[in-house]
Amino acid sequence: MSDNTEKNRFAAYKMLGIETFVTVVTSVALYLTVDMGTARSVAIGGLAFIIPNAYFAKYVFRHSAGDSAELAMRWFYIGEVIKVFATVLIFSMAFLWSETLNEAALFMMYIVMLVLNIWGNSILMSR
């Protein structure tokens, strides 16, 4: 794999770690200061972003475009489809199974993860 691929892989997994840390800290802080339902909703919102993106990263970095552009694109699309389905599945399960779901907290955390991912990756990739 090329140095650029390794740099991208490192940035992706570093962002997943940062996003996990932010989700855990935010959930614990809300559990201690607000209530369990809000903390659980924030955790689910964060995980609805983190888990699908972890699968996406796993599939995207299976092959380098330098090795085979066609194979790299195929795994990119497979990863993207899995990411979308996993996100929908997690949100669906949250709405079906959680009795104390705080929808605003759930979606706000998901949006925070989106912004954090875009911002963090732009910083990591500019280095």
C-alpha atoms as a PDB file:
ATOM      1  CA  MET A   1       0.000   0.000   0.000  1.00  0.00           C
ATOM      2  CA  SER A   2       1.098   3.501  -0.705  1.00  0.00           C
ATOM      3  CA  ASP A   3       2.110   6.024   1.918  1.00  0.00           C
ATOM      4  CA  ASN A   4      -0.985   8.066   1.069  1.00  0.00           C
ATOM      5  CA  THR A   5      -3.247   5.065   1.729  1.00  0.00           C
ATOM      6  CA  GLU A   6      -1.557   4.457   5.068  1.00  0.00           C
ATOM      7  CA  LYS A   7      -1.943   8.144   5.950  1.00  0.00           C
ATOM      8  CA  ASN A   8      -5.644   8.002   5.102  1.00  0.00           C
ATOM      9  CA  ARG A   9      -6.118   4.774   7.059  1.00  0.00           C
ATOM     10  CA  PHE A  10      -4.387   6.278  10.094  1.00  0.00           C
ATOM     11  CA  ALA A  11      -6.542   9.424   9.872  1.00  0.00           C
ATOM     12  CA  ALA A  12      -9.767   7.414   9.555  1.00  0.00           C
ATOM     13  CA  TYR A  13      -9.044   5.193  12.545  1.00  0.00           C
ATOM     14  CA  LYS A  14      -7.788   8.111  14.610  1.00  0.00           C
ATOM     15  CA  MET A  15     -11.056   9.944  13.929  1.00  0.00           C
ATOM     16  CA  LEU A  16     -13.053   6.873  14.940  1.00  0.00           C
ATOM     17  CA  GLY A  17     -11.147   6.850  18.227  1.00  0.00           C
ATOM     18  CA  ILE A  18     -11.754  10.546  18.819  1.00  0.00           C
ATOM     19  CA  GLU A  19     -15.445  10.176  17.982  1.00  0.00           C
ATOM     20  CA  THR A  20     -15.765   7.231  20.366  1.00  0.00           C
ATOM     21  CA  PHE A  21     -14.062   9.226  23.122  1.00  0.00           C
ATOM     22  CA  VAL A  22     -16.383  12.218  22.566  1.00  0.00           C
ATOM     23  CA  THR A  23     -19.447   9.948  22.603  1.00  0.00           C
ATOM     24  CA  VAL A  24     -18.426   8.189  25.828  1.00  0.00           C
ATOM     25  CA  VAL A  25     -17.486  11.403  27.652  1.00  0.00           C
ATOM     26  CA  THR A  26     -20.668  13.174  26.551  1.00  0.00           C
ATOM     27  CA  SER A  27     -22.853  10.216  27.524  1.00  0.00           C
ATOM     28  CA  VAL A  28     -21.258   9.885  30.958  1.00  0.00           C
ATOM     29  CA  ALA A  29     -21.510  13.633  31.580  1.00  0.00           C
ATOM     30  CA  LEU A  30     -25.199  13.621  30.649  1.00  0.00           C
ATOM     31  CA  TYR A  31     -25.832  10.559  32.790  1.00  0.00           C
ATOM     32  CA  LEU A  32     -24.285  12.325  35.785  1.00  0.00           C
ATOM     33  CA  THR A  33     -25.979  15.688  35.191  1.00  0.00           C
ATOM     34  CA  VAL A  34     -29.262  15.073  33.335  1.00  0.00           C
ATOM     35  CA  ASP A  35     -30.710  11.555  33.180  1.00  0.00           C
ATOM     36  CA  MET A  36     -30.153   8.056  31.863  1.00  0.00           C
ATOM     37  CA  GLY A  37     -32.562   8.441  28.912  1.00  0.00           C
ATOM     38  CA  THR A  38     -30.714  11.430  27.494  1.00  0.00           C
ATOM     39  CA  ALA A  39     -27.334   9.772  28.064  1.00  0.00           C
ATOM     40  CA  ARG A  40     -28.520   6.595  26.315  1.00  0.00           C
ATOM     41  CA  SER A  41     -29.925   8.636  23.416  1.00  0.00           C
ATOM     42  CA  VAL A  42     -26.605  10.453  22.987  1.00  0.00           C
ATOM     43  CA  ALA A  43     -24.722   7.145  23.103  1.00  0.00           C
ATOM     44  CA  ILE A  44     -27.020   5.661  20.450  1.00  0.00           C
ATOM     45  CA  GLY A  45     -26.662   8.767  18.276  1.00  0.00           C
ATOM     46  CA  GLY A  46     -22.883   8.538  18.500  1.00  0.00           C
ATOM     47  CA  LEU A  47     -22.847   4.810  17.830  1.00  0.00           C
ATOM     48  CA  ALA A  48     -25.201   5.269  14.871  1.00  0.00           C
ATOM     49  CA  PHE A  49     -22.365   7.235  13.328  1.00  0.00           C
ATOM     50  CA  ILE A  50     -19.310   5.370  14.648  1.00  0.00           C
ATOM     51  CA  ILE A  51     -20.279   1.738  13.950  1.00  0.00           C
ATOM     52  CA  PRO A  52     -21.258   2.228  10.275  1.00  0.00           C
ATOM     53  CA  ASN A  53     -18.162   4.352   9.662  1.00  0.00           C
ATOM     54  CA  ALA A  54     -15.943   1.699  11.214  1.00  0.00           C
ATOM     55  CA  TYR A  55     -17.348  -0.857   8.768  1.00  0.00           C
ATOM     56  CA  PHE A  56     -16.935   1.624   5.936  1.00  0.00           C
ATOM     57  CA  ALA A  57     -13.267   2.159   6.834  1.00  0.00           C
ATOM     58  CA  LYS A  58     -12.738  -1.593   7.041  1.00  0.00           C
ATOM     59  CA  TYR A  59     -14.006  -2.091   3.498  1.00  0.00           C
ATOM     60  CA  VAL A  60     -12.465   1.030   1.966  1.00  0.00           C
ATOM     61  CA  PHE A  61      -8.948   0.143   3.062  1.00  0.00           C
ATOM     62  CA  ARG A  62      -9.051  -3.472   1.891  1.00  0.00           C
ATOM     63  CA  HIS A  63      -7.420  -2.529  -1.398  1.00  0.00           C
ATOM     64  CA  SER A  64      -5.394   0.447  -2.525  1.00  0.00           C
ATOM     65  CA  ALA A  65      -6.278   2.243  -5.746  1.00  0.00           C
ATOM     66  CA  GLY A  66      -2.591   1.888  -6.636  1.00  0.00           C
ATOM     67  CA  ASP A  67      -2.972  -1.887  -6.566  1.00  0.00           C
ATOM     68  CA  SER A  68      -6.280  -2.050  -8.443  1.00  0.00           C
ATOM     69  CA  ALA A  69      -8.526   0.943  -8.956  1.00  0.00           C
ATOM     70  CA  GLU A  70     -11.462  -1.259  -9.946  1.00  0.00           C
ATOM     71  CA  LEU A  71     -11.154  -3.405  -6.824  1.00  0.00           C
ATOM     72  CA  ALA A  72     -10.713  -0.342  -4.608  1.00  0.00           C
ATOM     73  CA  MET A  73     -13.870   1.243  -6.033  1.00  0.00           C
ATOM     74  CA  ARG A  74     -15.841  -1.970  -5.652  1.00  0.00           C
ATOM     75  CA  TRP A  75     -14.960  -2.181  -1.951  1.00  0.00           C
ATOM     76  CA  PHE A  76     -15.666   1.526  -1.542  1.00  0.00           C
ATOM     77  CA  TYR A  77     -19.216   1.046  -2.844  1.00  0.00           C
ATOM     78  CA  ILE A  78     -19.735  -2.104  -0.776  1.00  0.00           C
ATOM     79  CA  GLY A  79     -18.571  -0.196   2.313  1.00  0.00           C
ATOM     80  CA  GLU A  80     -20.896   2.702   1.521  1.00  0.00           C
ATOM     81  CA  VAL A  81     -23.922   0.426   1.113  1.00  0.00           C
ATOM     82  CA  ILE A  82     -23.151  -1.343   4.389  1.00  0.00           C
ATOM     83  CA  LYS A  83     -22.693   2.042   6.082  1.00  0.00           C
ATOM     84  CA  VAL A  84     -26.095   3.307   4.935  1.00  0.00           C
ATOM     85  CA  PHE A  85     -27.914   0.090   5.881  1.00  0.00           C
ATOM     86  CA  ALA A  86     -26.200  -0.077   9.275  1.00  0.00           C
ATOM     87  CA  THR A  87     -27.120   3.542  10.020  1.00  0.00           C
ATOM     88  CA  VAL A  88     -30.765   2.953   9.116  1.00  0.00           C
ATOM     89  CA  LEU A  89     -30.796  -0.262  11.154  1.00  0.00           C
ATOM     90  CA  ILE A  90     -29.363   1.409  14.268  1.00  0.00           C
ATOM     91  CA  PHE A  91     -31.815   4.313  14.080  1.00  0.00           C
ATOM     92  CA  SER A  92     -34.707   1.908  13.476  1.00  0.00           C
ATOM     93  CA  MET A  93     -33.747  -0.247  16.449  1.00  0.00           C
ATOM     94  CA  ALA A  94     -33.417   2.852  18.624  1.00  0.00           C
ATOM     95  CA  PHE A  95     -36.929   4.020  17.770  1.00  0.00           C
ATOM     96  CA  LEU A  96     -38.444   0.557  18.115  1.00  0.00           C
ATOM     97  CA  TRP A  97     -36.777  -0.627  21.306  1.00  0.00           C
ATOM     98  CA  SER A  98     -35.921   2.396  23.416  1.00  0.00           C
ATOM     99  CA  GLU A  99     -38.702   3.493  25.740  1.00  0.00           C
ATOM    100  CA  THR A 100     -36.949   6.625  26.998  1.00  0.00           C
ATOM    101  CA  LEU A 101     -35.498   7.899  23.739  1.00  0.00           C
ATOM    102  CA  ASN A 102     -34.725  11.601  23.584  1.00  0.00           C
ATOM    103  CA  GLU A 103     -34.963  12.180  19.826  1.00  0.00           C
ATOM    104  CA  ALA A 104     -33.407  15.646  19.973  1.00  0.00           C
ATOM    105  CA  ALA A 105     -30.351  14.343  21.845  1.00  0.00           C
ATOM    106  CA  LEU A 106     -30.065  11.366  19.479  1.00  0.00           C
ATOM    107  CA  PHE A 107     -30.050  13.478  16.323  1.00  0.00           C
ATOM    108  CA  MET A 108     -27.936  16.250  17.839  1.00  0.00           C
ATOM    109  CA  MET A 109     -25.208  13.754  18.714  1.00  0.00           C
ATOM    110  CA  TYR A 110     -25.360  12.274  15.222  1.00  0.00           C
ATOM    111  CA  ILE A 111     -24.980  15.769  13.757  1.00  0.00           C
ATOM    112  CA  VAL A 112     -22.114  16.530  16.166  1.00  0.00           C
ATOM    113  CA  MET A 113     -20.384  13.359  14.947  1.00  0.00           C
ATOM    114  CA  LEU A 114     -20.873  14.396  11.301  1.00  0.00           C
ATOM    115  CA  VAL A 115     -19.382  17.841  11.925  1.00  0.00           C
ATOM    116  CA  LEU A 116     -16.567  16.425  14.064  1.00  0.00           C
ATOM    117  CA  ASN A 117     -15.739  13.905  11.338  1.00  0.00           C
ATOM    118  CA  ILE A 118     -15.599  16.507   8.574  1.00  0.00           C
ATOM    119  CA  TRP A 119     -13.646  18.999  10.685  1.00  0.00           C
ATOM    120  CA  GLY A 120     -11.273  16.417  12.156  1.00  0.00           C
ATOM    121  CA  ASN A 121     -10.515  14.733   8.853  1.00  0.00           C
ATOM    122  CA  SER A 122      -9.816  18.071   7.197  1.00  0.00           C
ATOM    123  CA  ILE A 123      -7.289  18.858   9.933  1.00  0.00           C
ATOM    124  CA  LEU A 124      -5.716  15.392   9.892  1.00  0.00           C
ATOM    125  CA  MET A 125      -5.457  15.294   6.103  1.00  0.00           C
ATOM    126  CA  SER A 126      -3.896  18.759   5.875  1.00  0.00           C
ATOM    127  CA  ARG A 127      -0.924  17.679   7.949  1.00  0.00           C
END
